[in-house]
Amino acid sequence: MSNIADELLASMQEAVEIVSGRMEPGRVWEPPAAVEVAQIRRRTGLSQAAFAARYGFSSASVRDWEQHRRQPEKAARTLLLLIDREPQAVERVLAGAA
């Protein structure tokens, strides 16, 4: 049985192999290219300003996403999907971060 130090070392070596291009990552996930921000926000029952404040977005970004002037970056799309599909999990994380 290995200890945590051995596991961390193996993970670091694997990361170096992936970054150097000598190994493919085991799993790569891409969020969908587009998400319907207005629908997600409406399901929360929050205004644009309250939604932005609650989840750390700027109000201008939420407005631009909803009006399809801009698309959220990958990390924002991922968070938006979590807010939509697992809102209680997001709330638990945010409550613990305070």
N, C-alpha and C. Protein backbone atom coordinates (compact mmCIF):
# COMPACT_ATOMS: atom_id res chain seq x y z
N MET A 1 0.85 -1.18 0.00
CA MET A 1 0.00 0.00 0.00
C MET A 1 0.90 1.24 0.00
N SER A 2 0.57 2.22 -0.87
CA SER A 2 1.40 3.42 -0.94
C SER A 2 0.90 4.47 0.04
N ASN A 3 1.78 5.38 0.36
CA ASN A 3 1.35 6.46 1.25
C ASN A 3 1.04 7.71 0.43
N ILE A 4 0.57 8.73 1.07
CA ILE A 4 0.13 9.94 0.37
C ILE A 4 1.29 10.62 -0.36
N ALA A 5 2.48 10.56 0.21
CA ALA A 5 3.64 11.18 -0.45
C ALA A 5 3.92 10.50 -1.79
N ASP A 6 3.83 9.17 -1.82
CA ASP A 6 4.05 8.44 -3.07
C ASP A 6 2.98 8.80 -4.10
N GLU A 7 1.75 8.92 -3.66
CA GLU A 7 0.66 9.28 -4.57
C GLU A 7 0.84 10.69 -5.12
N LEU A 8 1.24 11.62 -4.26
CA LEU A 8 1.47 12.99 -4.72
C LEU A 8 2.63 13.06 -5.71
N LEU A 9 3.69 12.35 -5.43
CA LEU A 9 4.84 12.32 -6.33
C LEU A 9 4.44 11.75 -7.69
N ALA A 10 3.69 10.65 -7.68
CA ALA A 10 3.23 10.05 -8.94
C ALA A 10 2.33 11.02 -9.70
N SER A 11 1.47 11.73 -9.01
CA SER A 11 0.59 12.71 -9.66
C SER A 11 1.39 13.84 -10.27
N MET A 12 2.39 14.30 -9.57
CA MET A 12 3.24 15.38 -10.09
C MET A 12 4.01 14.91 -11.32
N GLN A 13 4.51 13.70 -11.30
CA GLN A 13 5.23 13.17 -12.45
C GLN A 13 4.30 13.03 -13.66
N GLU A 14 3.07 12.59 -13.40
CA GLU A 14 2.08 12.49 -14.47
C GLU A 14 1.76 13.86 -15.04
N ALA A 15 1.64 14.86 -14.18
CA ALA A 15 1.36 16.23 -14.64
C ALA A 15 2.47 16.75 -15.54
N VAL A 16 3.72 16.47 -15.17
CA VAL A 16 4.85 16.89 -15.99
C VAL A 16 4.80 16.22 -17.36
N GLU A 17 4.45 14.93 -17.39
CA GLU A 17 4.34 14.20 -18.65
C GLU A 17 3.24 14.80 -19.54
N ILE A 18 2.12 15.16 -18.94
CA ILE A 18 1.00 15.74 -19.70
C ILE A 18 1.39 17.10 -20.25
N VAL A 19 1.96 17.95 -19.39
CA VAL A 19 2.33 19.30 -19.82
C VAL A 19 3.39 19.26 -20.91
N SER A 20 4.31 18.31 -20.83
CA SER A 20 5.38 18.22 -21.82
C SER A 20 4.90 17.58 -23.13
N GLY A 21 3.69 17.04 -23.14
CA GLY A 21 3.15 16.45 -24.34
C GLY A 21 3.50 14.99 -24.54
N ARG A 22 4.14 14.38 -23.57
CA ARG A 22 4.51 12.98 -23.68
C ARG A 22 3.40 12.04 -23.24
N MET A 23 2.32 12.61 -22.70
CA MET A 23 1.21 11.79 -22.21
C MET A 23 -0.08 12.57 -22.39
N GLU A 24 -1.14 11.87 -22.73
CA GLU A 24 -2.45 12.50 -22.85
C GLU A 24 -3.15 12.46 -21.48
N PRO A 25 -3.88 13.51 -21.14
CA PRO A 25 -4.62 13.47 -19.88
C PRO A 25 -5.66 12.36 -19.92
N GLY A 26 -5.95 11.81 -18.77
CA GLY A 26 -6.91 10.72 -18.68
C GLY A 26 -8.31 11.14 -19.06
N ARG A 27 -8.64 12.38 -18.78
CA ARG A 27 -9.99 12.85 -19.05
C ARG A 27 -9.95 14.36 -19.29
N VAL A 28 -10.59 14.79 -20.34
CA VAL A 28 -10.70 16.22 -20.64
C VAL A 28 -12.18 16.52 -20.79
N TRP A 29 -12.66 17.51 -20.05
CA TRP A 29 -14.07 17.89 -20.13
C TRP A 29 -14.17 19.32 -20.62
N GLU A 30 -15.03 19.53 -21.56
CA GLU A 30 -15.31 20.86 -22.08
C GLU A 30 -16.76 21.20 -21.81
N PRO A 31 -17.02 22.36 -21.23
CA PRO A 31 -18.42 22.76 -21.06
C PRO A 31 -19.03 23.05 -22.43
N PRO A 32 -20.35 23.01 -22.53
CA PRO A 32 -20.98 23.34 -23.81
C PRO A 32 -20.56 24.72 -24.28
N ALA A 33 -20.54 24.91 -25.58
CA ALA A 33 -20.11 26.18 -26.14
C ALA A 33 -21.03 27.33 -25.74
N ALA A 34 -22.28 27.03 -25.51
CA ALA A 34 -23.24 28.09 -25.15
C ALA A 34 -24.13 27.59 -24.02
N VAL A 35 -24.46 28.50 -23.13
CA VAL A 35 -25.43 28.22 -22.08
C VAL A 35 -26.46 29.34 -22.08
N GLU A 36 -27.67 29.01 -21.71
CA GLU A 36 -28.75 30.00 -21.68
C GLU A 36 -28.77 30.66 -20.30
N VAL A 37 -27.99 31.70 -20.17
CA VAL A 37 -27.81 32.37 -18.89
C VAL A 37 -29.14 32.92 -18.36
N ALA A 38 -29.94 33.52 -19.22
CA ALA A 38 -31.20 34.10 -18.77
C ALA A 38 -32.11 33.03 -18.15
N GLN A 39 -32.17 31.87 -18.79
CA GLN A 39 -33.01 30.79 -18.25
C GLN A 39 -32.48 30.30 -16.90
N ILE A 40 -31.17 30.15 -16.83
CA ILE A 40 -30.56 29.70 -15.57
C ILE A 40 -30.86 30.70 -14.46
N ARG A 41 -30.64 31.99 -14.76
CA ARG A 41 -30.88 33.03 -13.75
C ARG A 41 -32.34 33.06 -13.33
N ARG A 42 -33.25 33.00 -14.30
CA ARG A 42 -34.68 33.04 -13.96
C ARG A 42 -35.08 31.90 -13.04
N ARG A 43 -34.48 30.72 -13.25
CA ARG A 43 -34.81 29.57 -12.39
C ARG A 43 -34.36 29.81 -10.95
N THR A 44 -33.37 30.68 -10.76
CA THR A 44 -32.93 30.99 -9.39
C THR A 44 -33.87 31.98 -8.72
N GLY A 45 -34.66 32.69 -9.53
CA GLY A 45 -35.56 33.70 -8.98
C GLY A 45 -34.87 35.01 -8.64
N LEU A 46 -33.64 35.18 -9.09
CA LEU A 46 -32.87 36.39 -8.76
C LEU A 46 -32.88 37.38 -9.93
N SER A 47 -32.76 38.66 -9.59
CA SER A 47 -32.58 39.68 -10.61
C SER A 47 -31.17 39.55 -11.19
N GLN A 48 -30.91 40.24 -12.28
CA GLN A 48 -29.55 40.20 -12.84
C GLN A 48 -28.52 40.65 -11.82
N ALA A 49 -28.80 41.75 -11.14
CA ALA A 49 -27.85 42.28 -10.16
C ALA A 49 -27.64 41.32 -8.99
N ALA A 50 -28.72 40.75 -8.49
CA ALA A 50 -28.61 39.82 -7.36
C ALA A 50 -27.90 38.54 -7.77
N PHE A 51 -28.18 38.05 -8.97
CA PHE A 51 -27.53 36.85 -9.49
C PHE A 51 -26.02 37.09 -9.61
N ALA A 52 -25.66 38.22 -10.20
CA ALA A 52 -24.25 38.57 -10.37
C ALA A 52 -23.55 38.65 -9.01
N ALA A 53 -24.17 39.34 -8.07
CA ALA A 53 -23.56 39.49 -6.75
C ALA A 53 -23.45 38.15 -6.03
N ARG A 54 -24.47 37.33 -6.12
CA ARG A 54 -24.49 36.04 -5.41
C ARG A 54 -23.39 35.11 -5.88
N TYR A 55 -23.13 35.10 -7.21
CA TYR A 55 -22.21 34.11 -7.76
C TYR A 55 -20.88 34.70 -8.24
N GLY A 56 -20.63 35.97 -7.96
CA GLY A 56 -19.33 36.55 -8.26
C GLY A 56 -19.12 37.01 -9.69
N PHE A 57 -20.21 37.24 -10.42
CA PHE A 57 -20.11 37.76 -11.77
C PHE A 57 -20.31 39.26 -11.73
N SER A 58 -19.89 39.96 -12.76
CA SER A 58 -20.23 41.38 -12.83
C SER A 58 -21.63 41.49 -13.43
N SER A 59 -22.35 42.54 -13.03
CA SER A 59 -23.69 42.75 -13.58
C SER A 59 -23.62 42.96 -15.09
N ALA A 60 -22.58 43.65 -15.55
CA ALA A 60 -22.42 43.89 -16.99
C ALA A 60 -22.23 42.57 -17.74
N SER A 61 -21.49 41.65 -17.17
CA SER A 61 -21.28 40.36 -17.83
C SER A 61 -22.59 39.59 -17.94
N VAL A 62 -23.34 39.54 -16.85
CA VAL A 62 -24.62 38.83 -16.87
C VAL A 62 -25.53 39.44 -17.94
N ARG A 63 -25.59 40.75 -17.97
CA ARG A 63 -26.43 41.43 -18.97
C ARG A 63 -25.96 41.09 -20.39
N ASP A 64 -24.64 41.16 -20.64
CA ASP A 64 -24.12 40.86 -21.97
C ASP A 64 -24.36 39.41 -22.36
N TRP A 65 -24.22 38.48 -21.41
CA TRP A 65 -24.49 37.07 -21.69
C TRP A 65 -25.94 36.86 -22.05
N GLU A 66 -26.83 37.48 -21.29
CA GLU A 66 -28.26 37.29 -21.54
C GLU A 66 -28.69 37.91 -22.86
N GLN A 67 -28.04 38.98 -23.27
CA GLN A 67 -28.38 39.63 -24.54
C GLN A 67 -27.55 39.07 -25.70
N HIS A 68 -26.79 38.01 -25.44
CA HIS A 68 -25.97 37.32 -26.44
C HIS A 68 -24.95 38.22 -27.12
N ARG A 69 -24.49 39.24 -26.40
CA ARG A 69 -23.40 40.07 -26.91
C ARG A 69 -22.06 39.42 -26.67
N ARG A 70 -22.00 38.58 -25.62
CA ARG A 70 -20.79 37.83 -25.27
C ARG A 70 -21.20 36.47 -24.75
N GLN A 71 -20.27 35.52 -24.84
CA GLN A 71 -20.47 34.20 -24.25
C GLN A 71 -19.58 34.10 -23.01
N PRO A 72 -20.04 33.46 -21.96
CA PRO A 72 -19.19 33.27 -20.78
C PRO A 72 -17.96 32.43 -21.13
N GLU A 73 -16.87 32.71 -20.43
CA GLU A 73 -15.66 31.89 -20.58
C GLU A 73 -15.94 30.50 -20.04
N LYS A 74 -15.02 29.55 -20.29
CA LYS A 74 -15.22 28.15 -19.88
C LYS A 74 -15.52 28.02 -18.39
N ALA A 75 -14.75 28.68 -17.55
CA ALA A 75 -14.95 28.55 -16.10
C ALA A 75 -16.33 29.07 -15.70
N ALA A 76 -16.74 30.18 -16.29
CA ALA A 76 -18.06 30.74 -15.98
C ALA A 76 -19.16 29.81 -16.47
N ARG A 77 -18.98 29.21 -17.66
CA ARG A 77 -20.00 28.27 -18.17
C ARG A 77 -20.11 27.06 -17.24
N THR A 78 -18.98 26.61 -16.74
CA THR A 78 -18.99 25.48 -15.81
C THR A 78 -19.75 25.83 -14.55
N LEU A 79 -19.47 27.00 -13.97
CA LEU A 79 -20.19 27.43 -12.77
C LEU A 79 -21.67 27.60 -13.06
N LEU A 80 -22.01 28.17 -14.20
CA LEU A 80 -23.41 28.34 -14.55
C LEU A 80 -24.14 27.00 -14.65
N LEU A 81 -23.48 26.00 -15.23
CA LEU A 81 -24.09 24.67 -15.30
C LEU A 81 -24.30 24.09 -13.91
N LEU A 82 -23.34 24.30 -13.02
CA LEU A 82 -23.49 23.82 -11.64
C LEU A 82 -24.64 24.54 -10.94
N ILE A 83 -24.74 25.84 -11.13
CA ILE A 83 -25.83 26.60 -10.53
C ILE A 83 -27.17 26.05 -11.03
N ASP A 84 -27.23 25.71 -12.31
CA ASP A 84 -28.47 25.22 -12.90
C ASP A 84 -28.81 23.80 -12.45
N ARG A 85 -27.82 22.92 -12.43
CA ARG A 85 -28.08 21.51 -12.18
C ARG A 85 -27.93 21.07 -10.74
N GLU A 86 -27.08 21.74 -9.99
CA GLU A 86 -26.82 21.36 -8.60
C GLU A 86 -26.77 22.60 -7.70
N PRO A 87 -27.86 23.38 -7.68
CA PRO A 87 -27.82 24.64 -6.93
C PRO A 87 -27.54 24.45 -5.44
N GLN A 88 -28.01 23.36 -4.84
CA GLN A 88 -27.77 23.14 -3.41
C GLN A 88 -26.27 22.93 -3.15
N ALA A 89 -25.59 22.24 -4.04
CA ALA A 89 -24.15 22.02 -3.88
C ALA A 89 -23.41 23.35 -3.95
N VAL A 90 -23.79 24.19 -4.90
CA VAL A 90 -23.15 25.51 -5.02
C VAL A 90 -23.42 26.32 -3.75
N GLU A 91 -24.63 26.30 -3.28
CA GLU A 91 -24.97 27.03 -2.05
C GLU A 91 -24.15 26.54 -0.86
N ARG A 92 -23.99 25.22 -0.74
CA ARG A 92 -23.18 24.67 0.36
C ARG A 92 -21.73 25.16 0.28
N VAL A 93 -21.18 25.15 -0.91
CA VAL A 93 -19.80 25.62 -1.10
C VAL A 93 -19.69 27.09 -0.75
N LEU A 94 -20.62 27.89 -1.24
CA LEU A 94 -20.57 29.33 -0.97
C LEU A 94 -20.76 29.62 0.52
N ALA A 95 -21.62 28.86 1.18
CA ALA A 95 -21.83 29.06 2.62
C ALA A 95 -20.57 28.74 3.41
N GLY A 96 -19.83 27.74 2.96
CA GLY A 96 -18.60 27.36 3.65
C GLY A 96 -17.44 28.29 3.37
N ALA A 97 -17.54 29.09 2.30
CA ALA A 97 -16.45 29.98 1.93
C ALA A 97 -16.52 31.31 2.66
N ALA A 98 -17.61 31.55 3.36
CA ALA A 98 -17.78 32.85 4.04
C ALA A 98 -16.92 32.97 5.28
